[in-house]
Amino acid sequence: MILDTCALLWLADESSNRISESVLELINNEAVVYISAISGYEIVTKVGVGKLELLVPPAKWFESVLAFHHIEPIELSLEICQKAAGLPRIHKDPCDRFIIASALMFDLPVVTSDTRFCEYGVQVLL
């Protein structure tokens, strides 16, 4: 499975109850959970403009969260970028389009609250 950026933030925030218990159990039972590398861009950008506060610098935050939850990034390959650009214009957020393209290419369900992901044939978990 792949986590949308919001789901990564919710998973890291242990006080958040935005992810259902059943999906948390799935996450905890997966050998590896994925994020798109674009989530790094999104989070660092939000920190930079003051829309998100982290207790440590973003690089340190990512290092600890990814290690603790056994999360691996999916890099933005040429194929993923081309797939994201070629998707129907249902979803206009370019970062989400990269996550959708990654999910489609690797046949992964996405943990997200964004129901528009379903319109691309992606299985959504929350």
C-alpha atoms as a PDB file:
ATOM      1  CA  MET A   1       0.000   0.000   0.000  1.00  0.00           C
ATOM      2  CA  ILE A   2       0.994   3.608  -0.522  1.00  0.00           C
ATOM      3  CA  LEU A   3       0.231   6.467   1.836  1.00  0.00           C
ATOM      4  CA  ASP A   4      -1.085   9.777   0.592  1.00  0.00           C
ATOM      5  CA  THR A   5       0.838  12.677   2.165  1.00  0.00           C
ATOM      6  CA  CYS A   6      -2.014  13.401   4.578  1.00  0.00           C
ATOM      7  CA  ALA A   7      -2.032   9.747   5.666  1.00  0.00           C
ATOM      8  CA  LEU A   8       1.722   9.858   6.287  1.00  0.00           C
ATOM      9  CA  LEU A   9       1.216  12.875   8.543  1.00  0.00           C
ATOM     10  CA  TRP A  10      -1.679  11.174  10.364  1.00  0.00           C
ATOM     11  CA  LEU A  11       0.347   8.001  10.851  1.00  0.00           C
ATOM     12  CA  ALA A  12       3.250   9.985  12.292  1.00  0.00           C
ATOM     13  CA  ASP A  13       0.894  11.849  14.649  1.00  0.00           C
ATOM     14  CA  GLU A  14       0.068   9.121  17.129  1.00  0.00           C
ATOM     15  CA  SER A  15      -2.734  11.223  18.617  1.00  0.00           C
ATOM     16  CA  SER A  16      -4.548  11.367  15.279  1.00  0.00           C
ATOM     17  CA  ASN A  17      -7.505   9.054  14.790  1.00  0.00           C
ATOM     18  CA  ARG A  18      -7.991   9.859  11.095  1.00  0.00           C
ATOM     19  CA  ILE A  19      -6.911   6.371   9.995  1.00  0.00           C
ATOM     20  CA  SER A  20      -9.291   3.566  10.932  1.00  0.00           C
ATOM     21  CA  GLU A  21      -8.159   0.809  13.278  1.00  0.00           C
ATOM     22  CA  SER A  22      -8.529  -1.775  10.514  1.00  0.00           C
ATOM     23  CA  VAL A  23      -6.284   0.186   8.130  1.00  0.00           C
ATOM     24  CA  LEU A  24      -3.760   0.819  10.921  1.00  0.00           C
ATOM     25  CA  GLU A  25      -3.664  -2.924  11.460  1.00  0.00           C
ATOM     26  CA  LEU A  26      -3.054  -3.469   7.730  1.00  0.00           C
ATOM     27  CA  ILE A  27      -0.246  -0.897   7.799  1.00  0.00           C
ATOM     28  CA  ASN A  28       1.342  -2.522  10.830  1.00  0.00           C
ATOM     29  CA  ASN A  29       1.147  -5.989   9.249  1.00  0.00           C
ATOM     30  CA  GLU A  30       2.706  -4.987   5.914  1.00  0.00           C
ATOM     31  CA  ALA A  31       6.369  -5.818   5.495  1.00  0.00           C
ATOM     32  CA  VAL A  32       6.822  -2.497   3.674  1.00  0.00           C
ATOM     33  CA  VAL A  33       4.519   0.473   3.210  1.00  0.00           C
ATOM     34  CA  TYR A  34       5.277   3.040   0.529  1.00  0.00           C
ATOM     35  CA  ILE A  35       5.072   6.771  -0.001  1.00  0.00           C
ATOM     36  CA  SER A  36       5.699   8.687  -3.176  1.00  0.00           C
ATOM     37  CA  ALA A  37       8.853  10.806  -3.151  1.00  0.00           C
ATOM     38  CA  ILE A  38       6.545  13.734  -3.961  1.00  0.00           C
ATOM     39  CA  SER A  39       5.346  13.587  -0.332  1.00  0.00           C
ATOM     40  CA  GLY A  40       8.802  14.861   0.623  1.00  0.00           C
ATOM     41  CA  TYR A  41       8.256  17.875  -1.594  1.00  0.00           C
ATOM     42  CA  GLU A  42       4.781  18.495  -0.196  1.00  0.00           C
ATOM     43  CA  ILE A  43       5.807  18.313   3.448  1.00  0.00           C
ATOM     44  CA  VAL A  44       8.950  20.425   3.106  1.00  0.00           C
ATOM     45  CA  THR A  45       6.966  23.014   1.123  1.00  0.00           C
ATOM     46  CA  LYS A  46       4.243  23.174   3.790  1.00  0.00           C
ATOM     47  CA  VAL A  47       6.865  23.600   6.519  1.00  0.00           C
ATOM     48  CA  GLY A  48       8.572  26.321   4.476  1.00  0.00           C
ATOM     49  CA  VAL A  49       5.427  28.404   4.049  1.00  0.00           C
ATOM     50  CA  GLY A  50       4.284  27.924   7.648  1.00  0.00           C
ATOM     51  CA  LYS A  51       1.305  25.603   6.965  1.00  0.00           C
ATOM     52  CA  LEU A  52       2.881  22.725   8.897  1.00  0.00           C
ATOM     53  CA  GLU A  53       5.012  22.608  12.017  1.00  0.00           C
ATOM     54  CA  LEU A  54       7.312  19.711  12.811  1.00  0.00           C
ATOM     55  CA  LEU A  55       9.194  19.312  16.070  1.00  0.00           C
ATOM     56  CA  VAL A  56      12.420  18.572  14.185  1.00  0.00           C
ATOM     57  CA  PRO A  57      13.770  19.595  10.750  1.00  0.00           C
ATOM     58  CA  PRO A  58      11.980  17.815   7.864  1.00  0.00           C
ATOM     59  CA  ALA A  59      14.963  15.615   6.935  1.00  0.00           C
ATOM     60  CA  LYS A  60      15.232  14.328  10.508  1.00  0.00           C
ATOM     61  CA  TRP A  61      11.434  13.901  10.681  1.00  0.00           C
ATOM     62  CA  PHE A  62      11.393  11.798   7.506  1.00  0.00           C
ATOM     63  CA  GLU A  63      14.327   9.708   8.663  1.00  0.00           C
ATOM     64  CA  SER A  64      12.640   8.761  11.934  1.00  0.00           C
ATOM     65  CA  VAL A  65       9.077   8.318  10.617  1.00  0.00           C
ATOM     66  CA  LEU A  66      10.097   6.188   7.644  1.00  0.00           C
ATOM     67  CA  ALA A  67      12.352   3.982   9.764  1.00  0.00           C
ATOM     68  CA  PHE A  68       9.840   3.577  12.589  1.00  0.00           C
ATOM     69  CA  HIS A  69       6.949   2.610  10.283  1.00  0.00           C
ATOM     70  CA  HIS A  70       9.038   0.637   7.736  1.00  0.00           C
ATOM     71  CA  ILE A  71       8.096   3.012   4.937  1.00  0.00           C
ATOM     72  CA  GLU A  72       9.958   3.062   1.637  1.00  0.00           C
ATOM     73  CA  PRO A  73       9.766   5.907  -0.879  1.00  0.00           C
ATOM     74  CA  ILE A  74       8.861   5.247  -4.485  1.00  0.00           C
ATOM     75  CA  GLU A  75      11.092   7.504  -6.551  1.00  0.00           C
ATOM     76  CA  LEU A  76       9.648   9.613  -9.358  1.00  0.00           C
ATOM     77  CA  SER A  77      10.763   7.691 -12.419  1.00  0.00           C
ATOM     78  CA  LEU A  78      10.278   8.866 -15.980  1.00  0.00           C
ATOM     79  CA  GLU A  79       7.448   6.344 -16.331  1.00  0.00           C
ATOM     80  CA  ILE A  80       5.632   7.602 -13.232  1.00  0.00           C
ATOM     81  CA  CYS A  81       6.003  11.214 -14.370  1.00  0.00           C
ATOM     82  CA  GLN A  82       4.642  10.363 -17.813  1.00  0.00           C
ATOM     83  CA  LYS A  83       1.754   8.396 -16.297  1.00  0.00           C
ATOM     84  CA  ALA A  84       0.894  11.288 -13.937  1.00  0.00           C
ATOM     85  CA  ALA A  85       0.905  13.766 -16.826  1.00  0.00           C
ATOM     86  CA  GLY A  86      -1.292  11.492 -18.941  1.00  0.00           C
ATOM     87  CA  LEU A  87      -3.985  10.879 -16.331  1.00  0.00           C
ATOM     88  CA  PRO A  88      -7.457  12.307 -16.980  1.00  0.00           C
ATOM     89  CA  ARG A  89      -7.847  15.748 -15.395  1.00  0.00           C
ATOM     90  CA  ILE A  90     -10.178  14.516 -12.643  1.00  0.00           C
ATOM     91  CA  HIS A  91      -7.711  15.518  -9.951  1.00  0.00           C
ATOM     92  CA  LYS A  92      -5.890  18.790 -10.441  1.00  0.00           C
ATOM     93  CA  ASP A  93      -3.364  18.523  -7.567  1.00  0.00           C
ATOM     94  CA  PRO A  94      -0.105  17.525  -9.292  1.00  0.00           C
ATOM     95  CA  CYS A  95       1.299  15.913  -6.138  1.00  0.00           C
ATOM     96  CA  ASP A  96      -1.746  13.668  -5.796  1.00  0.00           C
ATOM     97  CA  ARG A  97      -1.473  12.799  -9.496  1.00  0.00           C
ATOM     98  CA  PHE A  98       2.059  11.445  -8.853  1.00  0.00           C
ATOM     99  CA  ILE A  99       0.721   9.353  -5.965  1.00  0.00           C
ATOM    100  CA  ILE A 100      -2.136   8.061  -8.142  1.00  0.00           C
ATOM    101  CA  ALA A 101       0.266   7.226 -10.979  1.00  0.00           C
ATOM    102  CA  SER A 102       2.536   5.341  -8.565  1.00  0.00           C
ATOM    103  CA  ALA A 103      -0.418   3.404  -7.157  1.00  0.00           C
ATOM    104  CA  LEU A 104      -1.576   2.438 -10.643  1.00  0.00           C
ATOM    105  CA  MET A 105       1.887   1.419 -11.846  1.00  0.00           C
ATOM    106  CA  PHE A 106       2.577  -0.773  -8.816  1.00  0.00           C
ATOM    107  CA  ASP A 107      -1.049  -1.900  -8.280  1.00  0.00           C
ATOM    108  CA  LEU A 108      -1.123  -0.531  -4.722  1.00  0.00           C
ATOM    109  CA  PRO A 109      -4.103   0.621  -2.667  1.00  0.00           C
ATOM    110  CA  VAL A 110      -3.818   4.188  -1.348  1.00  0.00           C
ATOM    111  CA  VAL A 111      -4.453   5.257   2.235  1.00  0.00           C
ATOM    112  CA  THR A 112      -6.208   8.600   1.788  1.00  0.00           C
ATOM    113  CA  SER A 113      -9.387  10.455   2.602  1.00  0.00           C
ATOM    114  CA  ASP A 114      -9.528  11.827  -0.960  1.00  0.00           C
ATOM    115  CA  THR A 115     -12.348   9.970  -2.708  1.00  0.00           C
ATOM    116  CA  ARG A 116     -11.321  11.329  -6.135  1.00  0.00           C
ATOM    117  CA  PHE A 117      -8.554   8.697  -6.174  1.00  0.00           C
ATOM    118  CA  CYS A 118     -11.284   6.075  -6.735  1.00  0.00           C
ATOM    119  CA  GLU A 119     -12.218   7.725 -10.030  1.00  0.00           C
ATOM    120  CA  TYR A 120      -8.870   6.519 -11.405  1.00  0.00           C
ATOM    121  CA  GLY A 121      -9.588   2.915 -10.443  1.00  0.00           C
ATOM    122  CA  VAL A 122      -7.362   3.081  -7.363  1.00  0.00           C
ATOM    123  CA  GLN A 123      -8.441   1.195  -4.251  1.00  0.00           C
ATOM    124  CA  VAL A 124      -8.773   3.675  -1.381  1.00  0.00           C
ATOM    125  CA  LEU A 125      -8.286   2.713   2.268  1.00  0.00           C
ATOM    126  CA  LEU A 126      -8.993   4.822   5.328  1.00  0.00           C
END
